[in-house]
C-alpha atoms as a PDB file:
ATOM      1  CA  MET A   1      -0.245   3.095  15.609  1.00  0.00           C
ATOM      2  CA  ASN A   2       1.441   5.272  13.006  1.00  0.00           C
ATOM      3  CA  LYS A   3       4.394   2.921  12.803  1.00  0.00           C
ATOM      4  CA  LEU A   4       2.079  -0.006  12.040  1.00  0.00           C
ATOM      5  CA  ILE A   5       0.371   1.913   9.258  1.00  0.00           C
ATOM      6  CA  PHE A   6       3.687   2.944   7.685  1.00  0.00           C
ATOM      7  CA  ALA A   7       5.035  -0.665   8.013  1.00  0.00           C
ATOM      8  CA  GLY A   8       1.928  -1.922   6.201  1.00  0.00           C
ATOM      9  CA  LEU A   9       2.233   0.670   3.475  1.00  0.00           C
ATOM     10  CA  SER A  10       5.936   0.046   2.928  1.00  0.00           C
ATOM     11  CA  ARG A  11       5.143  -3.656   2.634  1.00  0.00           C
ATOM     12  CA  LEU A  12       2.439  -2.834   0.170  1.00  0.00           C
ATOM     13  CA  TRP A  13       4.764  -0.841  -2.061  1.00  0.00           C
ATOM     14  CA  LYS A  14       7.141  -3.855  -2.220  1.00  0.00           C
ATOM     15  CA  ASP A  15       4.333  -6.312  -3.043  1.00  0.00           C
ATOM     16  CA  ARG A  16       4.358  -7.617  -6.705  1.00  0.00           C
ATOM     17  CA  ALA A  17       0.607  -8.355  -6.717  1.00  0.00           C
ATOM     18  CA  PHE A  18      -0.198  -4.750  -5.829  1.00  0.00           C
ATOM     19  CA  TRP A  19       1.904  -3.422  -8.762  1.00  0.00           C
ATOM     20  CA  VAL A  20       0.390  -5.989 -11.186  1.00  0.00           C
ATOM     21  CA  CYS A  21      -3.140  -4.982 -10.230  1.00  0.00           C
ATOM     22  CA  PHE A  22      -2.115  -1.252 -10.297  1.00  0.00           C
ATOM     23  CA  LEU A  23      -0.686  -1.574 -13.769  1.00  0.00           C
ATOM     24  CA  VAL A  24      -3.726  -3.566 -15.122  1.00  0.00           C
ATOM     25  CA  MET A  25      -6.083  -0.891 -13.754  1.00  0.00           C
ATOM     26  CA  PHE A  26      -4.000   1.954 -15.159  1.00  0.00           C
ATOM     27  CA  ALA A  27      -3.850   0.284 -18.609  1.00  0.00           C
ATOM     28  CA  LEU A  28      -7.654  -0.194 -18.537  1.00  0.00           C
ATOM     29  CA  GLY A  29      -8.141   3.382 -17.516  1.00  0.00           C
ATOM     30  CA  VAL A  30      -6.230   4.510 -20.530  1.00  0.00           C
ATOM     31  CA  TYR A  31      -7.480   1.843 -22.932  1.00  0.00           C
ATOM     32  CA  LEU A  32     -11.251   2.268 -22.365  1.00  0.00           C
ATOM     33  CA  PRO A  33     -11.597   6.010 -23.039  1.00  0.00           C
ATOM     34  CA  VAL A  34      -9.347   5.784 -26.083  1.00  0.00           C
ATOM     35  CA  ASN A  35     -11.294   2.832 -27.473  1.00  0.00           C
ATOM     36  CA  ASN A  36     -14.622   4.488 -26.925  1.00  0.00           C
ATOM     37  CA  TYR A  37     -13.338   7.628 -28.650  1.00  0.00           C
ATOM     38  CA  MET A  38     -12.042   5.621 -31.619  1.00  0.00           C
ATOM     39  CA  GLU A  39     -15.384   3.749 -31.895  1.00  0.00           C
ATOM     40  CA  SER A  40     -17.288   7.131 -31.849  1.00  0.00           C
ATOM     41  CA  ILE A  41     -15.253   8.273 -34.758  1.00  0.00           C
ATOM     42  CA  ARG A  42     -15.600   4.981 -36.614  1.00  0.00           C
ATOM     43  CA  TYR A  43     -19.341   4.729 -36.138  1.00  0.00           C
ATOM     44  CA  GLU A  44     -19.943   8.448 -36.314  1.00  0.00           C
ATOM     45  CA  PHE A  45     -21.712   9.043 -33.016  1.00  0.00           C
ATOM     46  CA  GLU A  46     -21.040  11.666 -30.371  1.00  0.00           C
ATOM     47  CA  PHE A  47     -18.509  10.691 -27.737  1.00  0.00           C
ATOM     48  CA  CYS A  48     -20.080  10.981 -24.291  1.00  0.00           C
ATOM     49  CA  PRO A  49     -17.684  10.533 -21.323  1.00  0.00           C
ATOM     50  CA  ASP A  50     -20.638   9.524 -19.182  1.00  0.00           C
ATOM     51  CA  MET A  51     -20.621   6.166 -20.805  1.00  0.00           C
ATOM     52  CA  LEU A  52     -17.205   5.517 -19.337  1.00  0.00           C
ATOM     53  CA  LEU A  53     -18.311   5.865 -15.757  1.00  0.00           C
ATOM     54  CA  LEU A  54     -19.709   2.370 -15.385  1.00  0.00           C
ATOM     55  CA  GLN A  55     -17.338   0.602 -17.812  1.00  0.00           C
ATOM     56  CA  TYR A  56     -14.548   0.624 -15.327  1.00  0.00           C
ATOM     57  CA  ALA A  57     -16.548  -0.871 -12.423  1.00  0.00           C
ATOM     58  CA  PRO A  58     -16.556  -4.526 -13.495  1.00  0.00           C
ATOM     59  CA  PHE A  59     -12.731  -4.510 -13.774  1.00  0.00           C
ATOM     60  CA  VAL A  60     -12.424  -3.050 -10.295  1.00  0.00           C
ATOM     61  CA  CYS A  61     -14.725  -5.764  -9.038  1.00  0.00           C
ATOM     62  CA  LEU A  62     -12.457  -8.379 -10.539  1.00  0.00           C
ATOM     63  CA  THR A  63      -9.028  -7.118  -9.566  1.00  0.00           C
ATOM     64  CA  ALA A  64      -9.751  -5.768  -6.096  1.00  0.00           C
ATOM     65  CA  PRO A  65     -10.905  -9.109  -4.527  1.00  0.00           C
ATOM     66  CA  ILE A  66      -7.814 -10.892  -6.073  1.00  0.00           C
ATOM     67  CA  PHE A  67      -5.465  -8.359  -4.519  1.00  0.00           C
ATOM     68  CA  VAL A  68      -7.225  -8.086  -1.226  1.00  0.00           C
ATOM     69  CA  SER A  69      -7.389 -11.836  -0.725  1.00  0.00           C
ATOM     70  CA  LEU A  70      -3.704 -12.206  -1.465  1.00  0.00           C
ATOM     71  CA  TYR A  71      -2.758  -9.333   0.758  1.00  0.00           C
ATOM     72  CA  LEU A  72      -5.016 -10.298   3.699  1.00  0.00           C
ATOM     73  CA  GLY A  73      -4.236 -13.979   3.300  1.00  0.00           C
ATOM     74  CA  VAL A  74      -0.535 -13.319   3.990  1.00  0.00           C
ATOM     75  CA  ASP A  75      -1.449 -11.287   7.154  1.00  0.00           C
ATOM     76  CA  TYR A  76      -3.741 -14.015   8.385  1.00  0.00           C
ATOM     77  CA  SER A  77      -1.195 -16.778   7.791  1.00  0.00           C
ATOM     78  CA  ASP A  78       1.507 -14.681   9.516  1.00  0.00           C
ATOM     79  CA  GLY A  79      -0.686 -14.574  12.611  1.00  0.00           C
ATOM     80  CA  THR A  80      -1.675 -10.891  12.669  1.00  0.00           C
END
């Protein structure tokens, strides 16, 4: 069972869709807090990190299904 898990993870690290989704989510994770901080300076209101909690969720809901469907679709078409 461990060999199957490690084989799946090694295939995951080589997958281009995984890295694209990972980089998009990383960029959004950096962009959203910086953007909110800059807007708090521009419009002179107090920066509250609590606002960031739910801003990231819609992007996760968009990128995760794309990646999961691509990754599981290959497994299904391969017959596993």
